[in-house]
C-alpha atoms as a PDB file:
ATOM      1  CA  MET A   1    -114.437  96.817-109.702  1.00  0.00           C
ATOM      2  CA  PRO A   2    -116.097  94.591-112.295  1.00  0.00           C
ATOM      3  CA  HIS A   3    -116.114  90.864-111.733  1.00  0.00           C
ATOM      4  CA  ALA A   4    -117.560  87.723-113.271  1.00  0.00           C
ATOM      5  CA  LEU A   5    -120.605  86.210-111.688  1.00  0.00           C
ATOM      6  CA  LEU A   6    -120.848  82.479-111.257  1.00  0.00           C
ATOM      7  CA  GLY A   7    -124.602  82.612-110.614  1.00  0.00           C
ATOM      8  CA  ASP A   8    -127.603  84.871-110.215  1.00  0.00           C
ATOM      9  CA  ASP A   9    -126.720  87.134-107.267  1.00  0.00           C
ATOM     10  CA  ALA A  10    -129.109  90.073-106.748  1.00  0.00           C
ATOM     11  CA  GLU A  11    -126.852  91.663-104.143  1.00  0.00           C
ATOM     12  CA  SER A  12    -123.699  91.913-106.280  1.00  0.00           C
ATOM     13  CA  GLY A  13    -124.848  92.494-109.854  1.00  0.00           C
ATOM     14  CA  VAL A  14    -127.167  91.715-112.711  1.00  0.00           C
ATOM     15  CA  ARG A  15    -126.806  88.451-114.680  1.00  0.00           C
ATOM     16  CA  VAL A  16    -126.664  89.078-118.412  1.00  0.00           C
ATOM     17  CA  GLY A  17    -125.062  85.977-120.009  1.00  0.00           C
ATOM     18  CA  ASP A  18    -121.344  86.195-119.140  1.00  0.00           C
ATOM     19  CA  ILE A  19    -121.484  90.020-118.698  1.00  0.00           C
ATOM     20  CA  ALA A  20    -121.753  91.620-115.237  1.00  0.00           C
ATOM     21  CA  ILE A  21    -122.599  95.326-114.827  1.00  0.00           C
ATOM     22  CA  GLU A  22    -122.133  97.153-111.564  1.00  0.00           C
ATOM     23  CA  ASN A  23    -124.011 100.297-110.646  1.00  0.00           C
ATOM     24  CA  THR A  24    -121.017 102.314-109.553  1.00  0.00           C
ATOM     25  CA  ASN A  25    -119.141 105.302-110.955  1.00  0.00           C
ATOM     26  CA  ARG A  26    -115.441 105.718-111.649  1.00  0.00           C
ATOM     27  CA  ASP A  27    -114.748 106.545-107.989  1.00  0.00           C
ATOM     28  CA  GLY A  28    -116.445 103.383-106.794  1.00  0.00           C
ATOM     29  CA  HIS A  29    -119.344 105.373-105.165  1.00  0.00           C
ATOM     30  CA  LEU A  30    -123.034 105.405-105.930  1.00  0.00           C
ATOM     31  CA  ASP A  31    -124.040 107.922-108.536  1.00  0.00           C
ATOM     32  CA  ALA A  32    -126.571 109.991-106.597  1.00  0.00           C
ATOM     33  CA  GLU A  33    -126.872 112.590-109.318  1.00  0.00           C
ATOM     34  CA  ARG A  34    -128.523 110.083-111.593  1.00  0.00           C
ATOM     35  CA  CYS A  35    -131.292 109.371-109.088  1.00  0.00           C
ATOM     36  CA  ASP A  36    -134.722 110.756-109.979  1.00  0.00           C
ATOM     37  CA  ASP A  37    -138.170 110.401-108.575  1.00  0.00           C
ATOM     38  CA  GLN A  38    -139.519 108.076-111.109  1.00  0.00           C
ATOM     39  CA  ALA A  39    -139.876 105.608-108.338  1.00  0.00           C
ATOM     40  CA  GLY A  40    -142.203 103.253-110.030  1.00  0.00           C
ATOM     41  CA  TYR A  41    -140.204 103.031-113.156  1.00  0.00           C
ATOM     42  CA  ASN A  42    -136.975 102.784-111.390  1.00  0.00           C
ATOM     43  CA  ARG A  43    -138.219 100.085-109.069  1.00  0.00           C
ATOM     44  CA  ALA A  44    -139.064  97.974-112.001  1.00  0.00           C
ATOM     45  CA  HIS A  45    -135.778  98.429-113.905  1.00  0.00           C
ATOM     46  CA  ALA A  46    -133.096  99.453-111.431  1.00  0.00           C
ATOM     47  CA  LYS A  47    -130.972  98.211-108.589  1.00  0.00           C
ATOM     48  CA  HIS A  48    -130.880  99.573-105.083  1.00  0.00           C
ATOM     49  CA  GLY A  49    -127.653 101.208-103.929  1.00  0.00           C
ATOM     50  CA  ALA A  50    -126.288 101.206-100.432  1.00  0.00           C
ATOM     51  CA  ASP A  51    -128.039 104.505 -99.551  1.00  0.00           C
ATOM     52  CA  GLY A  52    -131.410 103.573-101.000  1.00  0.00           C
ATOM     53  CA  CYS A  53    -130.980 105.680-104.116  1.00  0.00           C
ATOM     54  CA  VAL A  54    -132.014 104.046-107.325  1.00  0.00           C
ATOM     55  CA  THR A  55    -129.825 104.306-110.451  1.00  0.00           C
ATOM     56  CA  PRO A  56    -131.156 103.260-113.838  1.00  0.00           C
ATOM     57  CA  VAL A  57    -128.957 100.776-115.552  1.00  0.00           C
ATOM     58  CA  TRP A  58    -129.210 102.256-119.061  1.00  0.00           C
ATOM     59  CA  HIS A  59    -128.209 105.776-117.926  1.00  0.00           C
ATOM     60  CA  ASN A  60    -124.659 104.610-117.515  1.00  0.00           C
ATOM     61  CA  VAL A  61    -124.375 102.523-120.657  1.00  0.00           C
ATOM     62  CA  ASP A  62    -121.171 104.172-121.937  1.00  0.00           C
ATOM     63  CA  GLU A  63    -119.523 104.026-118.601  1.00  0.00           C
ATOM     64  CA  GLN A  64    -120.732 100.537-117.801  1.00  0.00           C
ATOM     65  CA  LEU A  65    -119.563  99.171-121.175  1.00  0.00           C
ATOM     66  CA  GLN A  66    -116.054 100.086-120.088  1.00  0.00           C
ATOM     67  CA  ARG A  67    -116.555  97.946-117.022  1.00  0.00           C
ATOM     68  CA  ILE A  68    -117.597  94.853-118.945  1.00  0.00           C
ATOM     69  CA  LEU A  69    -115.548  91.849-117.903  1.00  0.00           C
ATOM     70  CA  ILE A  70    -115.366  89.069-120.432  1.00  0.00           C
ATOM     71  CA  VAL A  71    -113.946  85.765-119.242  1.00  0.00           C
ATOM     72  CA  PRO A  72    -110.633  85.465-121.187  1.00  0.00           C
ATOM     73  CA  THR A  73    -109.890  82.498-123.382  1.00  0.00           C
ATOM     74  CA  LEU A  74    -106.621  80.555-123.107  1.00  0.00           C
ATOM     75  CA  THR A  75    -103.962  81.707-125.538  1.00  0.00           C
ATOM     76  CA  GLU A  76    -100.348  80.619-126.143  1.00  0.00           C
ATOM     77  CA  PRO A  77     -97.609  82.695-124.522  1.00  0.00           C
ATOM     78  CA  THR A  78     -96.195  85.521-126.540  1.00  0.00           C
ATOM     79  CA  GLY A  79     -93.102  84.510-128.559  1.00  0.00           C
ATOM     80  CA  THR A  80     -94.081  80.893-129.102  1.00  0.00           C
ATOM     81  CA  ARG A  81     -94.999  79.352-132.405  1.00  0.00           C
ATOM     82  CA  ARG A  82     -97.007  76.236-133.043  1.00  0.00           C
ATOM     83  CA  HIS A  83     -95.201  73.489-135.000  1.00  0.00           C
ATOM     84  CA  THR A  84     -97.280  72.686-138.009  1.00  0.00           C
ATOM     85  CA  ARG A  85     -94.820  70.263-139.747  1.00  0.00           C
ATOM     86  CA  ALA A  86     -93.157  66.999-138.564  1.00  0.00           C
ATOM     87  CA  GLY A  87     -89.311  66.715-138.400  1.00  0.00           C
ATOM     88  CA  PHE A  88     -86.257  67.646-136.326  1.00  0.00           C
ATOM     89  CA  SER A  89     -85.155  71.036-135.231  1.00  0.00           C
ATOM     90  CA  MET A  90     -81.569  72.141-135.796  1.00  0.00           C
ATOM     91  CA  VAL A  91     -80.798  71.772-132.080  1.00  0.00           C
ATOM     92  CA  GLU A  92     -82.151  68.229-131.988  1.00  0.00           C
ATOM     93  CA  LEU A  93     -80.123  67.324-135.079  1.00  0.00           C
ATOM     94  CA  LEU A  94     -76.912  68.754-133.604  1.00  0.00           C
ATOM     95  CA  ILE A  95     -77.428  66.884-130.323  1.00  0.00           C
ATOM     96  CA  THR A  96     -77.991  63.647-132.235  1.00  0.00           C
ATOM     97  CA  LEU A  97     -74.827  64.160-134.267  1.00  0.00           C
ATOM     98  CA  VAL A  98     -72.785  64.846-131.121  1.00  0.00           C
ATOM     99  CA  LEU A  99     -74.100  61.693-129.430  1.00  0.00           C
ATOM    100  CA  VAL A 100     -73.387  59.595-132.531  1.00  0.00           C
ATOM    101  CA  ALA A 101     -69.847  61.009-132.682  1.00  0.00           C
ATOM    102  CA  ILE A 102     -69.217  60.206-129.004  1.00  0.00           C
ATOM    103  CA  LEU A 103     -70.538  56.656-129.334  1.00  0.00           C
ATOM    104  CA  GLY A 104     -68.607  56.127-132.571  1.00  0.00           C
ATOM    105  CA  SER A 105     -65.380  57.332-130.966  1.00  0.00           C
ATOM    106  CA  ALA A 106     -65.864  55.005-127.992  1.00  0.00           C
ATOM    107  CA  ALA A 107     -66.632  52.046-130.261  1.00  0.00           C
ATOM    108  CA  SER A 108     -63.625  52.840-132.455  1.00  0.00           C
ATOM    109  CA  SER A 109     -61.293  52.956-129.441  1.00  0.00           C
ATOM    110  CA  MET A 110     -62.649  49.657-128.174  1.00  0.00           C
ATOM    111  CA  LEU A 111     -62.214  47.991-131.575  1.00  0.00           C
ATOM    112  CA  LYS A 112     -58.669  49.318-131.910  1.00  0.00           C
ATOM    113  CA  SER A 113     -57.808  47.970-128.471  1.00  0.00           C
ATOM    114  CA  GLN A 114     -59.251  44.568-129.351  1.00  0.00           C
ATOM    115  CA  LEU A 115     -57.411  44.468-132.686  1.00  0.00           C
ATOM    116  CA  ARG A 116     -54.130  45.333-130.996  1.00  0.00           C
ATOM    117  CA  GLY A 117     -54.720  42.582-128.470  1.00  0.00           C
ATOM    118  CA  PHE A 118     -55.353  40.060-131.237  1.00  0.00           C
ATOM    119  CA  SER A 119     -52.302  41.341-133.125  1.00  0.00           C
ATOM    120  CA  ARG A 120     -50.087  40.836-130.072  1.00  0.00           C
ATOM    121  CA  VAL A 121     -51.331  37.275-129.633  1.00  0.00           C
ATOM    122  CA  ASN A 122     -50.730  36.574-133.324  1.00  0.00           C
ATOM    123  CA  ASP A 123     -47.264  38.153-133.176  1.00  0.00           C
ATOM    124  CA  ARG A 124     -46.326  36.001-130.188  1.00  0.00           C
ATOM    125  CA  GLN A 125     -47.423  32.935-132.119  1.00  0.00           C
ATOM    126  CA  GLU A 126     -45.235  34.040-135.028  1.00  0.00           C
ATOM    127  CA  ALA A 127     -42.294  34.477-132.655  1.00  0.00           C
ATOM    128  CA  ARG A 128     -42.845  30.954-131.312  1.00  0.00           C
ATOM    129  CA  SER A 129     -42.991  29.691-134.887  1.00  0.00           C
ATOM    130  CA  VAL A 130     -39.577  31.244-135.569  1.00  0.00           C
ATOM    131  CA  ALA A 131     -38.116  29.534-132.506  1.00  0.00           C
ATOM    132  CA  ARG A 132     -39.739  26.188-133.316  1.00  0.00           C
ATOM    133  CA  THR A 133     -38.457  26.252-136.885  1.00  0.00           C
ATOM    134  CA  ALA A 134     -34.920  26.528-135.581  1.00  0.00           C
ATOM    135  CA  LEU A 135     -35.421  23.900-132.889  1.00  0.00           C
ATOM    136  CA  ARG A 136     -37.005  21.354-135.227  1.00  0.00           C
ATOM    137  CA  THR A 137     -34.204  21.716-137.759  1.00  0.00           C
ATOM    138  CA  LEU A 138     -31.587  21.253-135.062  1.00  0.00           C
ATOM    139  CA  GLU A 139     -33.446  18.325-133.547  1.00  0.00           C
ATOM    140  CA  THR A 140     -33.609  16.493-136.868  1.00  0.00           C
ATOM    141  CA  GLU A 141     -29.864  16.552-137.364  1.00  0.00           C
ATOM    142  CA  LEU A 142     -28.358  16.804-133.875  1.00  0.00           C
ATOM    143  CA  ALA A 143     -30.299  13.757-132.703  1.00  0.00           C
ATOM    144  CA  MET A 144     -28.141  11.664-135.069  1.00  0.00           C
ATOM    145  CA  VAL A 145     -24.809  13.045-133.896  1.00  0.00           C
ATOM    146  CA  ASP A 146     -22.534  10.515-132.220  1.00  0.00           C
ATOM    147  CA  ALA A 147     -20.953  11.278-128.853  1.00  0.00           C
ATOM    148  CA  THR A 148     -18.713   8.247-128.437  1.00  0.00           C
ATOM    149  CA  SER A 149     -15.962   8.917-125.923  1.00  0.00           C
ATOM    150  CA  GLY A 150     -12.380   7.812-126.285  1.00  0.00           C
ATOM    151  CA  GLY A 151     -11.776   9.550-129.580  1.00  0.00           C
ATOM    152  CA  THR A 152     -13.003  12.147-132.009  1.00  0.00           C
ATOM    153  CA  ASN A 153     -16.777  12.250-131.795  1.00  0.00           C
ATOM    154  CA  GLY A 154     -19.503  13.825-133.894  1.00  0.00           C
ATOM    155  CA  VAL A 155     -18.737  17.353-132.711  1.00  0.00           C
ATOM    156  CA  ILE A 156     -16.028  19.093-134.740  1.00  0.00           C
ATOM    157  CA  ALA A 157     -16.139  22.613-133.267  1.00  0.00           C
ATOM    158  CA  ALA A 158     -18.313  24.520-130.813  1.00  0.00           C
ATOM    159  CA  SER A 159     -18.746  28.041-129.441  1.00  0.00           C
ATOM    160  CA  SER A 160     -21.479  30.206-127.943  1.00  0.00           C
ATOM    161  CA  ASP A 161     -22.754  31.200-131.390  1.00  0.00           C
ATOM    162  CA  SER A 162     -21.927  28.192-133.589  1.00  0.00           C
ATOM    163  CA  ILE A 163     -21.513  24.436-133.666  1.00  0.00           C
ATOM    164  CA  SER A 164     -20.131  22.123-136.381  1.00  0.00           C
ATOM    165  CA  VAL A 165     -21.120  18.458-136.332  1.00  0.00           C
ATOM    166  CA  ARG A 166     -20.918  15.320-138.422  1.00  0.00           C
ATOM    167  CA  VAL A 167     -24.444  14.344-139.402  1.00  0.00           C
ATOM    168  CA  PRO A 168     -25.036  10.807-140.810  1.00  0.00           C
ATOM    169  CA  TYR A 169     -27.128  10.586-143.963  1.00  0.00           C
ATOM    170  CA  ALA A 170     -26.589   6.980-145.121  1.00  0.00           C
ATOM    171  CA  SER A 171     -25.783   3.868-143.090  1.00  0.00           C
ATOM    172  CA  GLY A 172     -24.896   0.218-143.669  1.00  0.00           C
ATOM    173  CA  VAL A 173     -22.098  -2.251-142.882  1.00  0.00           C
ATOM    174  CA  PHE A 174     -18.519  -2.625-144.020  1.00  0.00           C
ATOM    175  CA  CYS A 175     -17.849  -5.608-146.245  1.00  0.00           C
ATOM    176  CA  ALA A 176     -14.280  -5.821-147.553  1.00  0.00           C
ATOM    177  CA  SER A 177     -11.888  -4.036-149.895  1.00  0.00           C
ATOM    178  CA  GLY A 178     -13.351  -0.576-149.241  1.00  0.00           C
ATOM    179  CA  THR A 179     -16.912  -1.665-150.051  1.00  0.00           C
ATOM    180  CA  MET A 180     -19.970  -0.678-148.038  1.00  0.00           C
ATOM    181  CA  MET A 181     -23.337  -2.380-148.221  1.00  0.00           C
ATOM    182  CA  GLN A 182     -25.783   0.528-147.988  1.00  0.00           C
ATOM    183  CA  LEU A 183     -29.184   0.061-146.400  1.00  0.00           C
ATOM    184  CA  PRO A 184     -32.271   1.643-148.012  1.00  0.00           C
ATOM    185  CA  VAL A 185     -32.201   5.407-147.567  1.00  0.00           C
ATOM    186  CA  ASP A 186     -34.407   8.368-148.357  1.00  0.00           C
ATOM    187  CA  SER A 187     -33.555   9.233-151.939  1.00  0.00           C
ATOM    188  CA  ALA A 188     -34.213  12.944-151.391  1.00  0.00           C
ATOM    189  CA  VAL A 189     -31.763  13.079-148.484  1.00  0.00           C
ATOM    190  CA  LEU A 190     -29.189  11.128-150.443  1.00  0.00           C
ATOM    191  CA  ALA A 191     -29.525  13.419-153.455  1.00  0.00           C
ATOM    192  CA  THR A 192     -28.986  16.632-151.484  1.00  0.00           C
ATOM    193  CA  ALA A 193     -26.288  15.389-149.122  1.00  0.00           C
ATOM    194  CA  VAL A 194     -22.719  16.640-149.430  1.00  0.00           C
ATOM    195  CA  PHE A 195     -20.284  13.862-148.621  1.00  0.00           C
ATOM    196  CA  GLY A 196     -17.883  14.818-145.866  1.00  0.00           C
ATOM    197  CA  GLY A 197     -16.459  11.470-144.814  1.00  0.00           C
ATOM    198  CA  PHE A 198     -17.272   8.112-143.250  1.00  0.00           C
ATOM    199  CA  ALA A 199     -17.169   6.439-139.855  1.00  0.00           C
ATOM    200  CA  ILE A 200     -16.602   2.747-139.045  1.00  0.00           C
ATOM    201  CA  LYS A 201     -17.183   1.233-135.625  1.00  0.00           C
ATOM    202  CA  ASP A 202     -14.337  -0.627-133.937  1.00  0.00           C
ATOM    203  CA  THR A 203     -16.105  -3.855-133.046  1.00  0.00           C
ATOM    204  CA  SER A 204     -12.994  -5.641-131.881  1.00  0.00           C
ATOM    205  CA  ALA A 205     -11.790  -3.292-129.143  1.00  0.00           C
ATOM    206  CA  THR A 206     -13.233   0.086-128.117  1.00  0.00           C
ATOM    207  CA  GLY A 207     -16.665  -0.031-129.682  1.00  0.00           C
ATOM    208  CA  ALA A 208     -16.201   3.581-130.743  1.00  0.00           C
ATOM    209  CA  TYR A 209     -16.546   5.017-134.220  1.00  0.00           C
ATOM    210  CA  THR A 210     -13.500   6.164-136.094  1.00  0.00           C
ATOM    211  CA  TYR A 211     -14.153   9.194-138.284  1.00  0.00           C
ATOM    212  CA  THR A 212     -12.360   9.852-141.526  1.00  0.00           C
ATOM    213  CA  ASN A 213     -12.909  13.088-143.394  1.00  0.00           C
ATOM    214  CA  SER A 214     -12.782  12.647-147.138  1.00  0.00           C
ATOM    215  CA  ALA A 215     -13.464  14.657-150.234  1.00  0.00           C
ATOM    216  CA  ASN A 216     -13.793  11.612-152.482  1.00  0.00           C
ATOM    217  CA  SER A 217     -17.477  10.870-152.899  1.00  0.00           C
ATOM    218  CA  PRO A 218     -18.512   7.162-152.908  1.00  0.00           C
ATOM    219  CA  SER A 219     -19.159   5.411-156.201  1.00  0.00           C
ATOM    220  CA  ALA A 220     -20.852   2.169-157.232  1.00  0.00           C
ATOM    221  CA  GLY A 221     -19.221  -0.788-155.524  1.00  0.00           C
ATOM    222  CA  THR A 222     -18.683  -4.447-156.376  1.00  0.00           C
ATOM    223  CA  SER A 223     -21.339  -6.689-154.890  1.00  0.00           C
ATOM    224  CA  SER A 224     -18.979  -9.667-154.692  1.00  0.00           C
ATOM    225  CA  ASN A 225     -16.956  -7.869-152.003  1.00  0.00           C
ATOM    226  CA  CYS A 226     -20.020  -8.187-149.770  1.00  0.00           C
ATOM    227  CA  THR A 227     -21.496 -11.469-150.886  1.00  0.00           C
ATOM    228  CA  GLY A 228     -18.064 -13.031-150.480  1.00  0.00           C
ATOM    229  CA  VAL A 229     -18.247 -12.402-146.735  1.00  0.00           C
ATOM    230  CA  GLY A 230     -21.900 -13.406-146.465  1.00  0.00           C
ATOM    231  CA  LEU A 231     -23.485  -9.954-146.730  1.00  0.00           C
ATOM    232  CA  THR A 232     -26.229  -9.289-149.247  1.00  0.00           C
ATOM    233  CA  ALA A 233     -27.904  -5.942-149.768  1.00  0.00           C
ATOM    234  CA  PRO A 234     -31.646  -5.952-149.073  1.00  0.00           C
ATOM    235  CA  SER A 235     -34.243  -4.719-151.546  1.00  0.00           C
ATOM    236  CA  GLY A 236     -33.678  -1.024-152.066  1.00  0.00           C
ATOM    237  CA  GLY A 237     -30.101  -1.246-150.836  1.00  0.00           C
ATOM    238  CA  SER A 238     -26.895  -0.885-152.816  1.00  0.00           C
ATOM    239  CA  TYR A 239     -23.138  -1.402-152.778  1.00  0.00           C
ATOM    240  CA  LEU A 240     -20.788   1.572-152.541  1.00  0.00           C
ATOM    241  CA  ALA A 241     -17.055   1.856-153.023  1.00  0.00           C
ATOM    242  CA  VAL A 242     -15.692   4.142-150.267  1.00  0.00           C
ATOM    243  CA  SER A 243     -12.106   5.201-150.740  1.00  0.00           C
ATOM    244  CA  SER A 244      -9.747   4.394-147.824  1.00  0.00           C
ATOM    245  CA  ALA A 245     -12.423   2.565-145.829  1.00  0.00           C
ATOM    246  CA  SER A 246     -11.208  -0.383-143.799  1.00  0.00           C
ATOM    247  CA  GLY A 247     -12.485  -2.399-140.877  1.00  0.00           C
ATOM    248  CA  SER A 248     -13.957  -5.719-139.813  1.00  0.00           C
ATOM    249  CA  ALA A 249     -16.521  -7.372-142.057  1.00  0.00           C
ATOM    250  CA  GLY A 250     -19.986  -6.612-140.771  1.00  0.00           C
ATOM    251  CA  ALA A 251     -18.896  -3.551-138.744  1.00  0.00           C
ATOM    252  CA  PRO A 252     -21.514  -0.749-138.646  1.00  0.00           C
ATOM    253  CA  MET A 253     -20.623   2.090-140.960  1.00  0.00           C
ATOM    254  CA  PHE A 254     -22.194   5.373-142.064  1.00  0.00           C
ATOM    255  CA  LEU A 255     -21.532   8.278-144.362  1.00  0.00           C
ATOM    256  CA  TYR A 256     -21.798  11.801-142.967  1.00  0.00           C
ATOM    257  CA  GLN A 257     -21.883  15.395-144.043  1.00  0.00           C
ATOM    258  CA  ILE A 258     -20.401  18.267-142.042  1.00  0.00           C
ATOM    259  CA  VAL A 259     -23.095  20.737-140.991  1.00  0.00           C
ATOM    260  CA  THR A 260     -22.440  24.056-139.273  1.00  0.00           C
ATOM    261  CA  TYR A 261     -25.095  26.036-137.433  1.00  0.00           C
ATOM    262  CA  ARG A 262     -24.313  29.645-136.656  1.00  0.00           C
ATOM    263  CA  LEU A 263     -26.115  32.558-135.015  1.00  0.00           C
ATOM    264  CA  GLY A 264     -25.079  35.612-137.024  1.00  0.00           C
ATOM    265  CA  ASN A 265     -26.363  39.001-138.100  1.00  0.00           C
ATOM    266  CA  SER A 266     -29.634  38.564-139.938  1.00  0.00           C
ATOM    267  CA  ALA A 267     -29.702  39.521-143.601  1.00  0.00           C
ATOM    268  CA  LEU A 268     -33.425  40.252-143.349  1.00  0.00           C
ATOM    269  CA  PHE A 269     -33.768  42.025-139.990  1.00  0.00           C
ATOM    270  CA  ALA A 270     -31.268  44.752-139.200  1.00  0.00           C
ATOM    271  CA  GLY A 271     -29.825  44.651-135.699  1.00  0.00           C
ATOM    272  CA  LEU A 272     -31.101  41.130-135.009  1.00  0.00           C
ATOM    273  CA  LYS A 273     -29.693  37.641-135.408  1.00  0.00           C
ATOM    274  CA  GLY A 274     -30.535  34.824-137.756  1.00  0.00           C
ATOM    275  CA  LEU A 275     -29.809  31.089-137.626  1.00  0.00           C
ATOM    276  CA  TYR A 276     -27.612  30.012-140.543  1.00  0.00           C
ATOM    277  CA  ARG A 277     -26.994  26.481-141.793  1.00  0.00           C
ATOM    278  CA  LYS A 278     -24.031  25.545-143.962  1.00  0.00           C
ATOM    279  CA  VAL A 279     -23.239  22.107-145.398  1.00  0.00           C
ATOM    280  CA  GLY A 280     -19.582  21.394-146.101  1.00  0.00           C
ATOM    281  CA  SER A 281     -17.911  24.342-147.772  1.00  0.00           C
ATOM    282  CA  GLY A 282     -21.138  25.583-149.317  1.00  0.00           C
ATOM    283  CA  THR A 283     -22.911  28.889-148.779  1.00  0.00           C
ATOM    284  CA  ALA A 284     -24.527  29.510-145.403  1.00  0.00           C
ATOM    285  CA  GLN A 285     -28.293  29.911-145.669  1.00  0.00           C
ATOM    286  CA  GLU A 286     -30.431  31.811-143.175  1.00  0.00           C
ATOM    287  CA  ILE A 287     -33.091  29.303-142.149  1.00  0.00           C
ATOM    288  CA  ALA A 288     -34.780  31.121-139.254  1.00  0.00           C
ATOM    289  CA  ALA A 289     -35.014  34.731-138.083  1.00  0.00           C
ATOM    290  CA  PRO A 290     -35.233  37.058-136.284  1.00  0.00           C
ATOM    291  CA  PHE A 291     -33.537  36.293-132.957  1.00  0.00           C
ATOM    292  CA  GLY A 292     -32.466  38.624-130.193  1.00  0.00           C
ATOM    293  CA  THR A 293     -28.879  39.176-129.153  1.00  0.00           C
ATOM    294  CA  SER A 294     -29.419  36.865-126.163  1.00  0.00           C
ATOM    295  CA  ALA A 295     -29.833  33.809-128.414  1.00  0.00           C
ATOM    296  CA  THR A 296     -26.954  31.427-127.743  1.00  0.00           C
ATOM    297  CA  PHE A 297     -25.654  27.855-127.689  1.00  0.00           C
ATOM    298  CA  ARG A 298     -24.765  26.137-124.422  1.00  0.00           C
ATOM    299  CA  TYR A 299     -23.372  22.657-123.872  1.00  0.00           C
ATOM    300  CA  TYR A 300     -23.704  19.652-121.595  1.00  0.00           C
ATOM    301  CA  THR A 301     -20.842  17.418-120.547  1.00  0.00           C
ATOM    302  CA  ALA A 302     -20.783  14.050-118.816  1.00  0.00           C
ATOM    303  CA  MET A 303     -20.206  15.768-115.475  1.00  0.00           C
ATOM    304  CA  SER A 304     -22.864  18.512-115.711  1.00  0.00           C
ATOM    305  CA  ASP A 305     -26.599  18.374-115.194  1.00  0.00           C
ATOM    306  CA  THR A 306     -27.071  21.915-116.434  1.00  0.00           C
ATOM    307  CA  ALA A 307     -25.862  23.597-119.596  1.00  0.00           C
ATOM    308  CA  LEU A 308     -22.515  25.336-119.197  1.00  0.00           C
ATOM    309  CA  THR A 309     -22.179  29.016-119.984  1.00  0.00           C
ATOM    310  CA  THR A 310     -18.582  28.445-121.103  1.00  0.00           C
ATOM    311  CA  THR A 311     -17.786  26.171-124.015  1.00  0.00           C
ATOM    312  CA  PRO A 312     -16.069  22.907-122.924  1.00  0.00           C
ATOM    313  CA  SER A 313     -13.688  20.746-124.924  1.00  0.00           C
ATOM    314  CA  VAL A 314     -15.428  19.156-127.909  1.00  0.00           C
ATOM    315  CA  SER A 315     -14.391  15.685-126.776  1.00  0.00           C
ATOM    316  CA  THR A 316     -16.443  16.100-123.591  1.00  0.00           C
ATOM    317  CA  ILE A 317     -19.627  17.513-125.156  1.00  0.00           C
ATOM    318  CA  ARG A 318     -22.613  15.215-124.742  1.00  0.00           C
ATOM    319  CA  GLY A 319     -25.444  17.575-125.620  1.00  0.00           C
ATOM    320  CA  VAL A 320     -26.288  21.083-126.760  1.00  0.00           C
ATOM    321  CA  GLN A 321     -28.844  23.628-125.606  1.00  0.00           C
ATOM    322  CA  LEU A 322     -30.236  26.385-127.789  1.00  0.00           C
ATOM    323  CA  LYS A 323     -31.689  29.439-126.129  1.00  0.00           C
ATOM    324  CA  ALA A 324     -33.885  30.745-128.924  1.00  0.00           C
ATOM    325  CA  ALA A 325     -34.866  34.304-128.057  1.00  0.00           C
ATOM    326  CA  ALA A 326     -37.104  34.802-131.077  1.00  0.00           C
ATOM    327  CA  TYR A 327     -38.870  37.952-132.226  1.00  0.00           C
ATOM    328  CA  SER A 328     -42.004  38.216-134.290  1.00  0.00           C
ATOM    329  CA  PRO A 329     -41.265  39.304-137.885  1.00  0.00           C
ATOM    330  CA  HIS A 330     -43.970  41.959-137.466  1.00  0.00           C
ATOM    331  CA  ARG A 331     -44.479  44.744-134.948  1.00  0.00           C
ATOM    332  CA  THR A 332     -47.865  45.458-133.407  1.00  0.00           C
ATOM    333  CA  ALA A 333     -49.095  49.004-134.028  1.00  0.00           C
ATOM    334  CA  GLY A 334     -48.462  51.207-131.015  1.00  0.00           C
ATOM    335  CA  ARG A 335     -45.499  49.160-129.741  1.00  0.00           C
ATOM    336  CA  ALA A 336     -41.845  50.135-130.079  1.00  0.00           C
ATOM    337  CA  THR A 337     -40.510  46.593-130.558  1.00  0.00           C
ATOM    338  CA  PRO A 338     -41.875  43.288-131.903  1.00  0.00           C
ATOM    339  CA  GLU A 339     -43.061  40.576-129.550  1.00  0.00           C
ATOM    340  CA  LEU A 340     -40.235  38.517-128.015  1.00  0.00           C
ATOM    341  CA  VAL A 341     -40.586  34.863-126.999  1.00  0.00           C
ATOM    342  CA  THR A 342     -37.729  32.851-125.504  1.00  0.00           C
ATOM    343  CA  VAL A 343     -37.844  29.096-126.083  1.00  0.00           C
ATOM    344  CA  THR A 344     -35.068  26.890-124.707  1.00  0.00           C
ATOM    345  CA  SER A 345     -34.535  23.301-125.776  1.00  0.00           C
ATOM    346  CA  ALA A 346     -31.793  20.699-125.300  1.00  0.00           C
ATOM    347  CA  PHE A 347     -30.563  17.938-127.610  1.00  0.00           C
ATOM    348  CA  PHE A 348     -28.480  15.031-126.370  1.00  0.00           C
ATOM    349  CA  PHE A 349     -26.266  13.012-128.662  1.00  0.00           C
ATOM    350  CA  ARG A 350     -26.501   9.261-129.165  1.00  0.00           C
ATOM    351  CA  ASN A 351     -24.037   6.489-128.346  1.00  0.00           C
ATOM    352  CA  ARG A 352     -22.992   8.124-125.096  1.00  0.00           C
ATOM    353  CA  THR A 353     -20.917   5.677-123.070  1.00  0.00           C
ATOM    354  CA  ASP A 354     -20.416   7.977-120.099  1.00  0.00           C
END
């Protein structure tokens, strides 16, 4: 069998560059037929076989050329092709697109979750704002309501969903002959107030206010009715003629308007409640919404430390509690209902003697 020689080896072959020629026939035996007696010539140009016979190398040129072994050069495997241009293959491009889609989907889900979280926080703040709007309005007016015992006080009517009270808007002292010396007052409040009556304090006996409902609005009064008893209006004050007013000179006196707060069906949010405010016999206006069906009024009496679930007699009411179960005006995406926040606050009336 032909083989490559790594050096000059006289026993295994003849060195001719990178070509090795063996002196064997196709059967792997020595070719004895080619031996001749040209001993001298053959000794000079031939190789000895195993049996001592000499075979000339050039006699077997055709056969030996078929036994030439050339050291192979490295070639690329069949079916492969060398890339000659820079860029991406279709497979690489598809893999990249799939990875980008997966990462984009994950990022989108995370952003949506974060946005919904922020929306819920914002909606809860809006719900609190609804509740606080109602509470601040009530606080402004209910804090001025009188709760004097021993007679009709500042509360006219009360229930679990409404309360009507007498809210002072101008104060002063009684002079004489139905004249009131009015102390300086906020002109905006005075301009929008709807006169519902007046109250004069009994300074000689009970110390309680006596309320008188009236439809006759006050007019400009005579200053001499006050100066005659030693009362002079301060700068910014005035004198008012109040029909049917009577009392002791110098007795505290105020004018009031009748305000009704009611929790009714909201005109803006179907199925929910709104807080309405009505002055006198005017039109009720929805001032805060939306509220849940659990929003309600509860009341305190002189004998209770907690708000009563049943409405007591108006003459015993000393404070009111509003349970403002407020909803956000907006609904967060992915949620069936808006955010609900329940804020409870209590307001106690002034001039409580018990």
